[in-house]
């Protein structure tokens, strides 16, 4: 098993037609995501989580947040 960031895992999923089809995903949806990624458009984090979970990816650890430095 390889640990990937959310963005890398989603990129791996949408650019692999076999994985996408195996999870039961719609091909036109996959192509839309591929196009959006190539154009540099944002895909919501919730959407990425949804499809990654559908494909069997597991969240290894939650992202950590750091508060901004106040001046």
N, C-alpha and C. Protein backbone atom coordinates (compact mmCIF):
# COMPACT_ATOMS: atom_id res chain seq x y z
N UNK A 1 0.83 -1.19 0.00
CA UNK A 1 0.00 0.00 0.00
C UNK A 1 0.88 1.25 0.00
N UNK A 2 0.44 2.24 -0.72
CA UNK A 2 1.17 3.49 -0.83
C UNK A 2 0.31 4.60 -0.22
N UNK A 3 0.94 5.46 0.55
CA UNK A 3 0.23 6.60 1.12
C UNK A 3 0.36 7.78 0.17
N UNK A 4 -0.78 8.39 -0.16
CA UNK A 4 -0.82 9.51 -1.09
C UNK A 4 -1.60 10.66 -0.48
N UNK A 5 -1.34 11.85 -0.95
CA UNK A 5 -2.17 12.99 -0.56
C UNK A 5 -3.54 12.82 -1.22
N UNK A 6 -4.51 13.55 -0.75
CA UNK A 6 -5.85 13.48 -1.33
C UNK A 6 -5.81 13.82 -2.81
N UNK A 7 -5.08 14.87 -3.17
CA UNK A 7 -5.00 15.29 -4.57
C UNK A 7 -4.36 14.22 -5.45
N UNK A 8 -3.27 13.63 -4.96
CA UNK A 8 -2.57 12.60 -5.74
C UNK A 8 -3.44 11.35 -5.89
N UNK A 9 -4.13 10.96 -4.82
CA UNK A 9 -4.99 9.78 -4.87
C UNK A 9 -6.15 9.99 -5.84
N UNK A 10 -6.74 11.19 -5.81
CA UNK A 10 -7.85 11.48 -6.72
C UNK A 10 -7.37 11.50 -8.16
N UNK A 11 -6.20 12.09 -8.38
CA UNK A 11 -5.61 12.12 -9.71
C UNK A 11 -5.36 10.69 -10.22
N UNK A 12 -4.85 9.84 -9.36
CA UNK A 12 -4.62 8.44 -9.71
C UNK A 12 -5.93 7.75 -10.09
N UNK A 13 -6.97 8.03 -9.32
CA UNK A 13 -8.27 7.41 -9.58
C UNK A 13 -8.86 7.85 -10.92
N UNK A 14 -8.94 9.14 -11.15
CA UNK A 14 -9.62 9.62 -12.37
C UNK A 14 -8.81 9.36 -13.63
N UNK A 15 -7.51 9.21 -13.50
CA UNK A 15 -6.70 8.94 -14.68
C UNK A 15 -6.50 7.45 -14.94
N UNK A 16 -7.18 6.62 -14.18
CA UNK A 16 -7.10 5.18 -14.38
C UNK A 16 -8.50 4.66 -14.69
N UNK A 17 -8.77 4.50 -15.97
CA UNK A 17 -10.10 4.10 -16.42
C UNK A 17 -10.54 2.77 -15.80
N UNK A 18 -9.62 1.84 -15.62
CA UNK A 18 -9.94 0.54 -15.04
C UNK A 18 -10.45 0.68 -13.61
N UNK A 19 -9.72 1.44 -12.78
CA UNK A 19 -10.15 1.64 -11.38
C UNK A 19 -11.51 2.31 -11.33
N UNK A 20 -11.69 3.32 -12.18
CA UNK A 20 -12.94 4.07 -12.18
C UNK A 20 -14.11 3.16 -12.55
N UNK A 21 -13.93 2.36 -13.58
CA UNK A 21 -14.99 1.46 -14.03
C UNK A 21 -15.27 0.39 -12.98
N UNK A 22 -14.21 -0.11 -12.33
CA UNK A 22 -14.35 -1.15 -11.32
C UNK A 22 -15.19 -0.66 -10.14
N UNK A 23 -15.10 0.61 -9.79
CA UNK A 23 -15.88 1.14 -8.68
C UNK A 23 -17.32 1.46 -9.09
N UNK A 24 -17.61 1.37 -10.39
CA UNK A 24 -18.97 1.64 -10.86
C UNK A 24 -19.22 3.08 -11.23
N UNK A 25 -18.14 3.82 -11.46
CA UNK A 25 -18.27 5.22 -11.81
C UNK A 25 -18.69 5.44 -13.26
N UNK A 26 -19.35 6.55 -13.48
CA UNK A 26 -19.81 6.94 -14.81
C UNK A 26 -18.63 7.51 -15.60
N UNK A 27 -18.44 7.04 -16.82
CA UNK A 27 -17.29 7.47 -17.64
C UNK A 27 -17.35 8.96 -17.97
N UNK A 28 -18.53 9.50 -18.21
CA UNK A 28 -18.62 10.93 -18.53
C UNK A 28 -18.23 11.78 -17.32
N UNK A 29 -18.52 11.31 -16.13
CA UNK A 29 -18.12 12.02 -14.91
C UNK A 29 -16.60 12.00 -14.79
N UNK A 30 -15.99 10.85 -15.05
CA UNK A 30 -14.53 10.72 -14.99
C UNK A 30 -13.88 11.69 -15.98
N UNK A 31 -14.39 11.72 -17.19
CA UNK A 31 -13.82 12.60 -18.21
C UNK A 31 -13.98 14.07 -17.84
N UNK A 32 -15.07 14.41 -17.19
CA UNK A 32 -15.28 15.78 -16.72
C UNK A 32 -14.22 16.13 -15.68
N UNK A 33 -13.97 15.21 -14.74
CA UNK A 33 -12.94 15.45 -13.73
C UNK A 33 -11.55 15.57 -14.36
N UNK A 34 -11.24 14.71 -15.32
CA UNK A 34 -9.95 14.77 -16.00
C UNK A 34 -9.78 16.14 -16.66
N UNK A 35 -10.81 16.60 -17.34
CA UNK A 35 -10.76 17.89 -18.02
C UNK A 35 -10.56 19.03 -17.01
N UNK A 36 -11.31 18.99 -15.92
CA UNK A 36 -11.20 20.04 -14.89
C UNK A 36 -9.80 20.08 -14.28
N UNK A 37 -9.22 18.90 -14.05
CA UNK A 37 -7.87 18.85 -13.49
C UNK A 37 -6.85 19.42 -14.48
N UNK A 38 -7.00 19.10 -15.75
CA UNK A 38 -6.07 19.61 -16.77
C UNK A 38 -6.16 21.12 -16.91
N UNK A 39 -7.37 21.64 -16.73
CA UNK A 39 -7.58 23.09 -16.84
C UNK A 39 -7.22 23.83 -15.56
N UNK A 40 -6.88 23.08 -14.52
CA UNK A 40 -6.51 23.70 -13.25
C UNK A 40 -7.69 24.19 -12.44
N UNK A 41 -8.88 23.70 -12.76
CA UNK A 41 -10.08 24.10 -12.03
C UNK A 41 -10.19 23.30 -10.73
N UNK A 42 -10.80 23.92 -9.75
CA UNK A 42 -10.92 23.30 -8.43
C UNK A 42 -12.02 22.24 -8.40
N UNK A 43 -11.74 21.17 -7.69
CA UNK A 43 -12.74 20.14 -7.40
C UNK A 43 -12.85 20.10 -5.88
N UNK A 44 -14.06 20.18 -5.37
CA UNK A 44 -14.26 20.25 -3.93
C UNK A 44 -13.66 19.05 -3.22
N UNK A 45 -13.12 19.29 -2.04
CA UNK A 45 -12.52 18.24 -1.24
C UNK A 45 -13.55 17.17 -0.88
N UNK A 46 -14.77 17.59 -0.58
CA UNK A 46 -15.84 16.63 -0.26
C UNK A 46 -16.10 15.69 -1.44
N UNK A 47 -16.05 16.22 -2.64
CA UNK A 47 -16.26 15.42 -3.84
C UNK A 47 -15.14 14.41 -3.99
N UNK A 48 -13.91 14.85 -3.78
CA UNK A 48 -12.76 13.94 -3.87
C UNK A 48 -12.89 12.82 -2.84
N UNK A 49 -13.23 13.17 -1.59
CA UNK A 49 -13.40 12.16 -0.54
C UNK A 49 -14.48 11.15 -0.93
N UNK A 50 -15.58 11.65 -1.46
CA UNK A 50 -16.70 10.78 -1.84
C UNK A 50 -16.26 9.71 -2.84
N UNK A 51 -15.60 10.14 -3.90
CA UNK A 51 -15.19 9.20 -4.95
C UNK A 51 -14.05 8.29 -4.50
N UNK A 52 -13.14 8.81 -3.69
CA UNK A 52 -12.06 7.97 -3.19
C UNK A 52 -12.61 6.86 -2.29
N UNK A 53 -13.57 7.20 -1.45
CA UNK A 53 -14.18 6.18 -0.58
C UNK A 53 -14.93 5.15 -1.42
N UNK A 54 -15.64 5.61 -2.45
CA UNK A 54 -16.37 4.68 -3.34
C UNK A 54 -15.42 3.70 -4.00
N UNK A 55 -14.19 4.15 -4.30
CA UNK A 55 -13.21 3.32 -4.99
C UNK A 55 -12.41 2.44 -4.03
N UNK A 56 -12.68 2.55 -2.73
CA UNK A 56 -12.00 1.69 -1.76
C UNK A 56 -10.76 2.28 -1.14
N UNK A 57 -10.44 3.53 -1.45
CA UNK A 57 -9.31 4.18 -0.78
C UNK A 57 -9.69 4.43 0.68
N UNK A 58 -8.71 4.32 1.56
CA UNK A 58 -8.97 4.55 2.98
C UNK A 58 -8.15 5.73 3.46
N UNK A 59 -8.77 6.54 4.28
CA UNK A 59 -8.09 7.71 4.84
C UNK A 59 -7.16 7.24 5.95
N UNK A 60 -5.88 7.42 5.76
CA UNK A 60 -4.86 6.96 6.71
C UNK A 60 -4.82 7.86 7.94
N UNK A 61 -4.83 9.14 7.74
CA UNK A 61 -4.86 10.09 8.85
C UNK A 61 -5.52 11.37 8.37
N UNK A 62 -6.14 12.08 9.29
CA UNK A 62 -6.81 13.32 8.93
C UNK A 62 -5.78 14.42 8.71
N UNK A 63 -6.08 15.31 7.79
CA UNK A 63 -5.17 16.45 7.59
C UNK A 63 -5.05 17.26 8.87
N UNK A 64 -3.89 17.78 9.10
CA UNK A 64 -3.67 18.61 10.28
C UNK A 64 -3.69 20.07 9.87
N UNK A 65 -4.23 20.90 10.76
CA UNK A 65 -4.33 22.33 10.48
C UNK A 65 -3.51 23.10 11.49
N UNK A 66 -2.92 24.15 11.03
CA UNK A 66 -2.15 25.03 11.90
C UNK A 66 -2.81 26.40 11.86
N UNK A 67 -2.96 26.99 13.03
CA UNK A 67 -3.59 28.30 13.10
C UNK A 67 -2.63 29.35 12.52
N UNK A 68 -3.18 30.42 11.96
CA UNK A 68 -2.31 31.47 11.42
C UNK A 68 -1.63 32.24 12.54
N UNK A 69 -0.51 32.81 12.22
CA UNK A 69 0.21 33.62 13.21
C UNK A 69 -0.40 35.01 13.22
N UNK A 70 -0.89 35.41 14.39
CA UNK A 70 -1.49 36.73 14.53
C UNK A 70 -0.42 37.73 14.93
N UNK A 71 -0.47 38.91 14.32
CA UNK A 71 0.53 39.92 14.66
C UNK A 71 -0.02 40.96 15.59
